[in-house]
Amino acid sequence: MTAATIRQEVIANNIANVNTPNYRKSVVEFEDMLAREIYGEEPDGKLKMVRTHDKHLPFKPFDFHAEPTITEDNTTIMRVDDNNVDIDIEMASLAKNQLYYNALATQLGGHVTRLKNAISSGQS
């Protein structure tokens, strides 16, 4: 959810600077970094597992260090004022990110509800 919040701020900043000469849009990178940590350098859909003891099953608790990072996109410049913000792409990204954030919030709310029900179901 933190990455989605940061992405929302970055997209809003890009939209605010759509007419600023020489402005370069920024993007948030997170999901690809997280996938590399989960699946390794070449995401093939399989989790990396490590044995901590010879008699243990090959499983290691996840210890992720991926953090959302903001990078400047210098690739496409289609305007004479050297601004590379495309308002249509930014508005679509804003809508996509909002849906993503809402889905995450719904999932988190459901998880908290299930935890509360599990805690309170043992009481008379």
N, C-alpha and C. Protein backbone atom coordinates (compact mmCIF):
# COMPACT_ATOMS: atom_id res chain seq x y z
N MET A 1 0.83 -1.19 0.00
CA MET A 1 0.00 0.00 0.00
C MET A 1 0.87 1.25 0.00
N THR A 2 2.04 1.16 0.63
CA THR A 2 2.94 2.31 0.65
C THR A 2 3.39 2.67 -0.75
N ALA A 3 3.73 1.65 -1.53
CA ALA A 3 4.17 1.90 -2.91
C ALA A 3 3.04 2.55 -3.72
N ALA A 4 1.81 2.09 -3.52
CA ALA A 4 0.67 2.67 -4.25
C ALA A 4 0.44 4.13 -3.83
N THR A 5 0.63 4.43 -2.56
CA THR A 5 0.48 5.80 -2.08
C THR A 5 1.55 6.70 -2.68
N ILE A 6 2.78 6.22 -2.68
CA ILE A 6 3.87 7.01 -3.27
C ILE A 6 3.63 7.20 -4.76
N ARG A 7 3.18 6.14 -5.44
CA ARG A 7 2.91 6.22 -6.87
C ARG A 7 1.82 7.26 -7.15
N GLN A 8 0.80 7.31 -6.30
CA GLN A 8 -0.28 8.30 -6.47
C GLN A 8 0.27 9.72 -6.39
N GLU A 9 1.18 9.95 -5.45
CA GLU A 9 1.78 11.28 -5.30
C GLU A 9 2.65 11.63 -6.50
N VAL A 10 3.41 10.66 -6.99
CA VAL A 10 4.30 10.89 -8.13
C VAL A 10 3.48 11.19 -9.39
N ILE A 11 2.42 10.43 -9.61
CA ILE A 11 1.57 10.66 -10.78
C ILE A 11 0.91 12.04 -10.68
N ALA A 12 0.44 12.40 -9.50
CA ALA A 12 -0.17 13.72 -9.31
C ALA A 12 0.85 14.82 -9.60
N ASN A 13 2.10 14.62 -9.19
CA ASN A 13 3.14 15.60 -9.47
C ASN A 13 3.41 15.69 -10.97
N ASN A 14 3.41 14.53 -11.65
CA ASN A 14 3.60 14.55 -13.11
C ASN A 14 2.48 15.32 -13.79
N ILE A 15 1.24 15.09 -13.35
CA ILE A 15 0.09 15.79 -13.94
C ILE A 15 0.18 17.29 -13.68
N ALA A 16 0.61 17.65 -12.48
CA ALA A 16 0.73 19.08 -12.14
C ALA A 16 1.79 19.78 -12.99
N ASN A 17 2.77 19.03 -13.47
CA ASN A 17 3.85 19.61 -14.26
C ASN A 17 3.73 19.31 -15.75
N VAL A 18 2.53 19.02 -16.20
CA VAL A 18 2.34 18.64 -17.60
C VAL A 18 2.75 19.75 -18.57
N ASN A 19 2.69 20.99 -18.15
CA ASN A 19 3.04 22.11 -19.03
C ASN A 19 4.33 22.82 -18.60
N THR A 20 5.11 22.20 -17.75
CA THR A 20 6.37 22.78 -17.30
C THR A 20 7.47 22.42 -18.30
N PRO A 21 8.11 23.40 -18.91
CA PRO A 21 9.18 23.10 -19.86
C PRO A 21 10.34 22.35 -19.19
N ASN A 22 10.93 21.42 -19.93
CA ASN A 22 12.08 20.61 -19.48
C ASN A 22 11.79 19.69 -18.31
N TYR A 23 10.53 19.51 -17.96
CA TYR A 23 10.18 18.60 -16.86
C TYR A 23 10.24 17.16 -17.35
N ARG A 24 10.84 16.29 -16.55
CA ARG A 24 10.88 14.86 -16.85
C ARG A 24 9.99 14.14 -15.85
N LYS A 25 9.12 13.29 -16.37
CA LYS A 25 8.21 12.58 -15.48
C LYS A 25 8.97 11.59 -14.61
N SER A 26 8.39 11.27 -13.48
CA SER A 26 8.96 10.30 -12.56
C SER A 26 8.06 9.08 -12.51
N VAL A 27 8.64 7.94 -12.20
CA VAL A 27 7.90 6.70 -12.05
C VAL A 27 8.34 6.01 -10.77
N VAL A 28 7.45 5.20 -10.20
CA VAL A 28 7.75 4.44 -8.99
C VAL A 28 7.98 2.99 -9.39
N GLU A 29 9.09 2.45 -8.97
CA GLU A 29 9.41 1.05 -9.24
C GLU A 29 9.34 0.29 -7.92
N PHE A 30 8.53 -0.76 -7.90
CA PHE A 30 8.43 -1.58 -6.70
C PHE A 30 8.10 -3.04 -7.01
N GLU A 31 7.06 -3.26 -7.80
CA GLU A 31 6.57 -4.62 -8.01
C GLU A 31 7.61 -5.52 -8.64
N ASP A 32 8.38 -5.00 -9.60
CA ASP A 32 9.42 -5.82 -10.24
C ASP A 32 10.54 -6.16 -9.24
N MET A 33 10.90 -5.21 -8.39
CA MET A 33 11.93 -5.48 -7.38
C MET A 33 11.45 -6.53 -6.39
N LEU A 34 10.19 -6.45 -5.98
CA LEU A 34 9.62 -7.42 -5.06
C LEU A 34 9.57 -8.81 -5.71
N ALA A 35 9.20 -8.88 -6.97
CA ALA A 35 9.16 -10.16 -7.69
C ALA A 35 10.55 -10.77 -7.77
N ARG A 36 11.58 -9.94 -8.00
CA ARG A 36 12.95 -10.47 -8.03
C ARG A 36 13.37 -11.03 -6.69
N GLU A 37 12.94 -10.39 -5.60
CA GLU A 37 13.27 -10.91 -4.27
C GLU A 37 12.54 -12.21 -3.99
N ILE A 38 11.30 -12.33 -4.43
CA ILE A 38 10.53 -13.54 -4.17
C ILE A 38 10.99 -14.69 -5.06
N TYR A 39 11.12 -14.42 -6.36
CA TYR A 39 11.38 -15.48 -7.32
C TYR A 39 12.82 -15.58 -7.78
N GLY A 40 13.68 -14.67 -7.40
CA GLY A 40 15.05 -14.67 -7.89
C GLY A 40 15.20 -13.73 -9.06
N GLU A 41 16.39 -13.73 -9.65
CA GLU A 41 16.68 -12.81 -10.75
C GLU A 41 15.81 -13.05 -11.97
N GLU A 42 15.50 -14.29 -12.26
CA GLU A 42 14.65 -14.62 -13.41
C GLU A 42 13.32 -15.14 -12.90
N PRO A 43 12.30 -14.28 -12.80
CA PRO A 43 11.01 -14.73 -12.29
C PRO A 43 10.42 -15.84 -13.16
N ASP A 44 10.35 -17.04 -12.61
CA ASP A 44 9.78 -18.16 -13.35
C ASP A 44 8.55 -18.72 -12.64
N GLY A 45 8.07 -18.03 -11.60
CA GLY A 45 6.89 -18.49 -10.89
C GLY A 45 7.19 -19.43 -9.75
N LYS A 46 8.47 -19.70 -9.49
CA LYS A 46 8.84 -20.60 -8.40
C LYS A 46 9.56 -19.83 -7.31
N LEU A 47 9.19 -20.11 -6.07
CA LEU A 47 9.81 -19.45 -4.94
C LEU A 47 11.20 -20.00 -4.67
N LYS A 48 12.12 -19.11 -4.24
CA LYS A 48 13.42 -19.56 -3.79
C LYS A 48 13.25 -20.14 -2.39
N MET A 49 13.80 -21.29 -2.15
CA MET A 49 13.71 -21.88 -0.82
C MET A 49 15.11 -22.32 -0.40
N VAL A 50 15.39 -22.16 0.89
CA VAL A 50 16.69 -22.51 1.44
C VAL A 50 16.48 -23.32 2.70
N ARG A 51 17.25 -24.37 2.87
CA ARG A 51 17.17 -25.16 4.10
C ARG A 51 18.04 -24.52 5.16
N THR A 52 17.51 -24.39 6.36
CA THR A 52 18.27 -23.85 7.48
C THR A 52 18.90 -24.97 8.31
N HIS A 53 18.41 -26.19 8.14
CA HIS A 53 18.93 -27.37 8.82
C HIS A 53 18.70 -28.56 7.90
N ASP A 54 19.58 -29.53 7.92
CA ASP A 54 19.47 -30.67 7.02
C ASP A 54 18.15 -31.43 7.16
N LYS A 55 17.56 -31.44 8.36
CA LYS A 55 16.33 -32.19 8.59
C LYS A 55 15.07 -31.35 8.37
N HIS A 56 15.23 -30.08 8.07
CA HIS A 56 14.08 -29.21 7.84
C HIS A 56 13.63 -29.27 6.40
N LEU A 57 12.36 -28.99 6.20
CA LEU A 57 11.86 -28.84 4.84
C LEU A 57 12.49 -27.59 4.22
N PRO A 58 12.65 -27.56 2.92
CA PRO A 58 13.31 -26.41 2.29
C PRO A 58 12.43 -25.17 2.27
N PHE A 59 12.37 -24.48 3.39
CA PHE A 59 11.57 -23.26 3.48
C PHE A 59 12.28 -22.27 4.38
N LYS A 60 12.31 -21.04 3.96
CA LYS A 60 12.90 -19.96 4.75
C LYS A 60 11.87 -18.84 4.82
N PRO A 61 11.60 -18.30 6.01
CA PRO A 61 10.65 -17.18 6.10
C PRO A 61 11.10 -16.02 5.20
N PHE A 62 10.12 -15.34 4.65
CA PHE A 62 10.42 -14.25 3.74
C PHE A 62 10.97 -13.05 4.50
N ASP A 63 12.05 -12.52 4.00
CA ASP A 63 12.66 -11.33 4.56
C ASP A 63 12.93 -10.39 3.40
N PHE A 64 11.92 -9.57 3.07
CA PHE A 64 12.00 -8.72 1.89
C PHE A 64 12.61 -7.38 2.24
N HIS A 65 13.41 -6.89 1.32
CA HIS A 65 14.04 -5.59 1.49
C HIS A 65 13.68 -4.63 0.37
N ALA A 66 12.73 -5.01 -0.47
CA ALA A 66 12.33 -4.15 -1.59
C ALA A 66 11.63 -2.91 -1.05
N GLU A 67 12.06 -1.77 -1.53
CA GLU A 67 11.45 -0.49 -1.16
C GLU A 67 11.04 0.23 -2.43
N PRO A 68 9.92 0.92 -2.42
CA PRO A 68 9.55 1.69 -3.61
C PRO A 68 10.57 2.80 -3.88
N THR A 69 11.01 2.89 -5.12
CA THR A 69 11.97 3.92 -5.49
C THR A 69 11.39 4.78 -6.61
N ILE A 70 11.70 6.05 -6.54
CA ILE A 70 11.24 7.01 -7.55
C ILE A 70 12.39 7.27 -8.50
N THR A 71 12.16 7.04 -9.79
CA THR A 71 13.18 7.29 -10.79
C THR A 71 12.64 8.24 -11.85
N GLU A 72 13.54 8.98 -12.44
CA GLU A 72 13.17 9.92 -13.49
C GLU A 72 13.22 9.20 -14.83
N ASP A 73 12.18 9.36 -15.63
CA ASP A 73 12.09 8.73 -16.94
C ASP A 73 12.60 9.71 -17.99
N ASN A 74 13.74 9.39 -18.58
CA ASN A 74 14.33 10.26 -19.60
C ASN A 74 14.22 9.68 -21.00
N THR A 75 13.39 8.68 -21.18
CA THR A 75 13.39 7.95 -22.44
C THR A 75 12.63 8.65 -23.55
N THR A 76 11.38 8.98 -23.35
CA THR A 76 10.58 9.51 -24.46
C THR A 76 10.31 10.99 -24.28
N ILE A 77 10.75 11.75 -25.24
CA ILE A 77 10.45 13.19 -25.26
C ILE A 77 9.78 13.46 -26.59
N MET A 78 8.48 13.77 -26.54
CA MET A 78 7.75 13.97 -27.79
C MET A 78 7.28 15.41 -27.98
N ARG A 79 7.77 16.30 -27.14
CA ARG A 79 7.34 17.69 -27.25
C ARG A 79 8.55 18.59 -27.46
N VAL A 80 8.32 19.74 -28.06
CA VAL A 80 9.42 20.66 -28.33
C VAL A 80 9.93 21.35 -27.07
N ASP A 81 9.14 21.39 -25.99
CA ASP A 81 9.61 22.02 -24.76
C ASP A 81 10.36 21.03 -23.86
N ASP A 82 10.70 19.85 -24.38
CA ASP A 82 11.46 18.81 -23.68
C ASP A 82 10.75 18.27 -22.44
N ASN A 83 9.44 18.36 -22.41
CA ASN A 83 8.64 17.76 -21.34
C ASN A 83 8.15 16.41 -21.86
N ASN A 84 8.28 15.36 -21.06
CA ASN A 84 7.88 14.03 -21.54
C ASN A 84 6.63 13.48 -20.85
N VAL A 85 5.82 14.34 -20.26
CA VAL A 85 4.58 13.91 -19.61
C VAL A 85 3.47 13.83 -20.65
N ASP A 86 2.88 12.64 -20.77
CA ASP A 86 1.71 12.44 -21.63
C ASP A 86 0.50 12.38 -20.71
N ILE A 87 -0.36 13.38 -20.79
CA ILE A 87 -1.48 13.49 -19.85
C ILE A 87 -2.41 12.28 -19.93
N ASP A 88 -2.59 11.70 -21.11
CA ASP A 88 -3.47 10.53 -21.25
C ASP A 88 -2.90 9.32 -20.51
N ILE A 89 -1.60 9.12 -20.66
CA ILE A 89 -0.95 7.99 -19.96
C ILE A 89 -0.99 8.21 -18.46
N GLU A 90 -0.75 9.43 -18.03
CA GLU A 90 -0.75 9.72 -16.59
C GLU A 90 -2.14 9.54 -15.98
N MET A 91 -3.18 9.97 -16.69
CA MET A 91 -4.54 9.81 -16.17
C MET A 91 -4.93 8.33 -16.10
N ALA A 92 -4.51 7.56 -17.10
CA ALA A 92 -4.78 6.11 -17.08
C ALA A 92 -4.01 5.45 -15.93
N SER A 93 -2.77 5.87 -15.72
CA SER A 93 -1.98 5.33 -14.62
C SER A 93 -2.58 5.69 -13.27
N LEU A 94 -3.12 6.90 -13.18
CA LEU A 94 -3.77 7.34 -11.95
C LEU A 94 -4.98 6.47 -11.64
N ALA A 95 -5.81 6.20 -12.64
CA ALA A 95 -6.99 5.35 -12.44
C ALA A 95 -6.58 3.92 -12.09
N LYS A 96 -5.59 3.38 -12.78
CA LYS A 96 -5.11 2.02 -12.51
C LYS A 96 -4.57 1.91 -11.09
N ASN A 97 -3.79 2.90 -10.67
CA ASN A 97 -3.22 2.87 -9.33
C ASN A 97 -4.30 3.00 -8.26
N GLN A 98 -5.33 3.80 -8.53
CA GLN A 98 -6.42 3.95 -7.57
C GLN A 98 -7.16 2.62 -7.39
N LEU A 99 -7.42 1.92 -8.49
CA LEU A 99 -8.06 0.60 -8.40
C LEU A 99 -7.17 -0.38 -7.62
N TYR A 100 -5.89 -0.35 -7.89
CA TYR A 100 -4.93 -1.22 -7.20
C TYR A 100 -4.93 -0.94 -5.70
N TYR A 101 -4.89 0.33 -5.33
CA TYR A 101 -4.89 0.71 -3.92
C TYR A 101 -6.19 0.28 -3.25
N ASN A 102 -7.32 0.49 -3.91
CA ASN A 102 -8.61 0.08 -3.34
C ASN A 102 -8.68 -1.42 -3.14
N ALA A 103 -8.14 -2.19 -4.09
CA ALA A 103 -8.12 -3.64 -3.95
C ALA A 103 -7.25 -4.06 -2.75
N LEU A 104 -6.10 -3.42 -2.59
CA LEU A 104 -5.24 -3.72 -1.44
C LEU A 104 -5.92 -3.36 -0.13
N ALA A 105 -6.59 -2.22 -0.09
CA ALA A 105 -7.29 -1.80 1.12
C ALA A 105 -8.42 -2.77 1.47
N THR A 106 -9.14 -3.24 0.46
CA THR A 106 -10.21 -4.21 0.69
C THR A 106 -9.64 -5.52 1.24
N GLN A 107 -8.54 -5.98 0.66
CA GLN A 107 -7.90 -7.22 1.13
C GLN A 107 -7.42 -7.05 2.57
N LEU A 108 -6.80 -5.94 2.88
CA LEU A 108 -6.31 -5.70 4.24
C LEU A 108 -7.47 -5.61 5.22
N GLY A 109 -8.53 -4.94 4.84
CA GLY A 109 -9.71 -4.85 5.71
C GLY A 109 -10.32 -6.21 5.97
N GLY A 110 -10.39 -7.05 4.96
CA GLY A 110 -10.91 -8.40 5.13
C GLY A 110 -10.03 -9.23 6.05
N HIS A 111 -8.72 -9.06 5.93
CA HIS A 111 -7.79 -9.79 6.79
C HIS A 111 -7.96 -9.37 8.25
N VAL A 112 -8.08 -8.07 8.48
CA VAL A 112 -8.28 -7.58 9.85
C VAL A 112 -9.60 -8.10 10.42
N THR A 113 -10.64 -8.11 9.59
CA THR A 113 -11.95 -8.62 10.03
C THR A 113 -11.85 -10.10 10.42
N ARG A 114 -11.14 -10.89 9.60
CA ARG A 114 -10.96 -12.31 9.92
C ARG A 114 -10.18 -12.49 11.21
N LEU A 115 -9.16 -11.66 11.43
CA LEU A 115 -8.40 -11.74 12.68
C LEU A 115 -9.28 -11.40 13.88
N LYS A 116 -10.08 -10.34 13.75
CA LYS A 116 -10.98 -9.96 14.84
C LYS A 116 -11.99 -11.06 15.13
N ASN A 117 -12.52 -11.69 14.08
CA ASN A 117 -13.47 -12.78 14.28
C ASN A 117 -12.80 -13.97 14.95
N ALA A 118 -11.57 -14.27 14.59
CA ALA A 118 -10.87 -15.39 15.20
C ALA A 118 -10.59 -15.12 16.68
N ILE A 119 -10.27 -13.88 16.99
CA ILE A 119 -9.99 -13.53 18.38
C ILE A 119 -11.26 -13.55 19.21
N SER A 120 -12.34 -13.00 18.68
CA SER A 120 -13.58 -12.88 19.47
C SER A 120 -14.41 -14.17 19.47
N SER A 121 -14.16 -15.11 18.57
CA SER A 121 -14.99 -16.32 18.51
C SER A 121 -14.75 -17.25 19.70
N GLY A 122 -13.64 -17.09 20.39
CA GLY A 122 -13.38 -17.94 21.56
C GLY A 122 -14.05 -17.43 22.82
N GLN A 123 -14.67 -16.26 22.76
CA GLN A 123 -15.30 -15.68 23.94
C GLN A 123 -16.78 -16.06 23.98
N SER A 124 -17.31 -16.16 25.18
CA SER A 124 -18.73 -16.51 25.34
C SER A 124 -19.58 -15.28 25.47
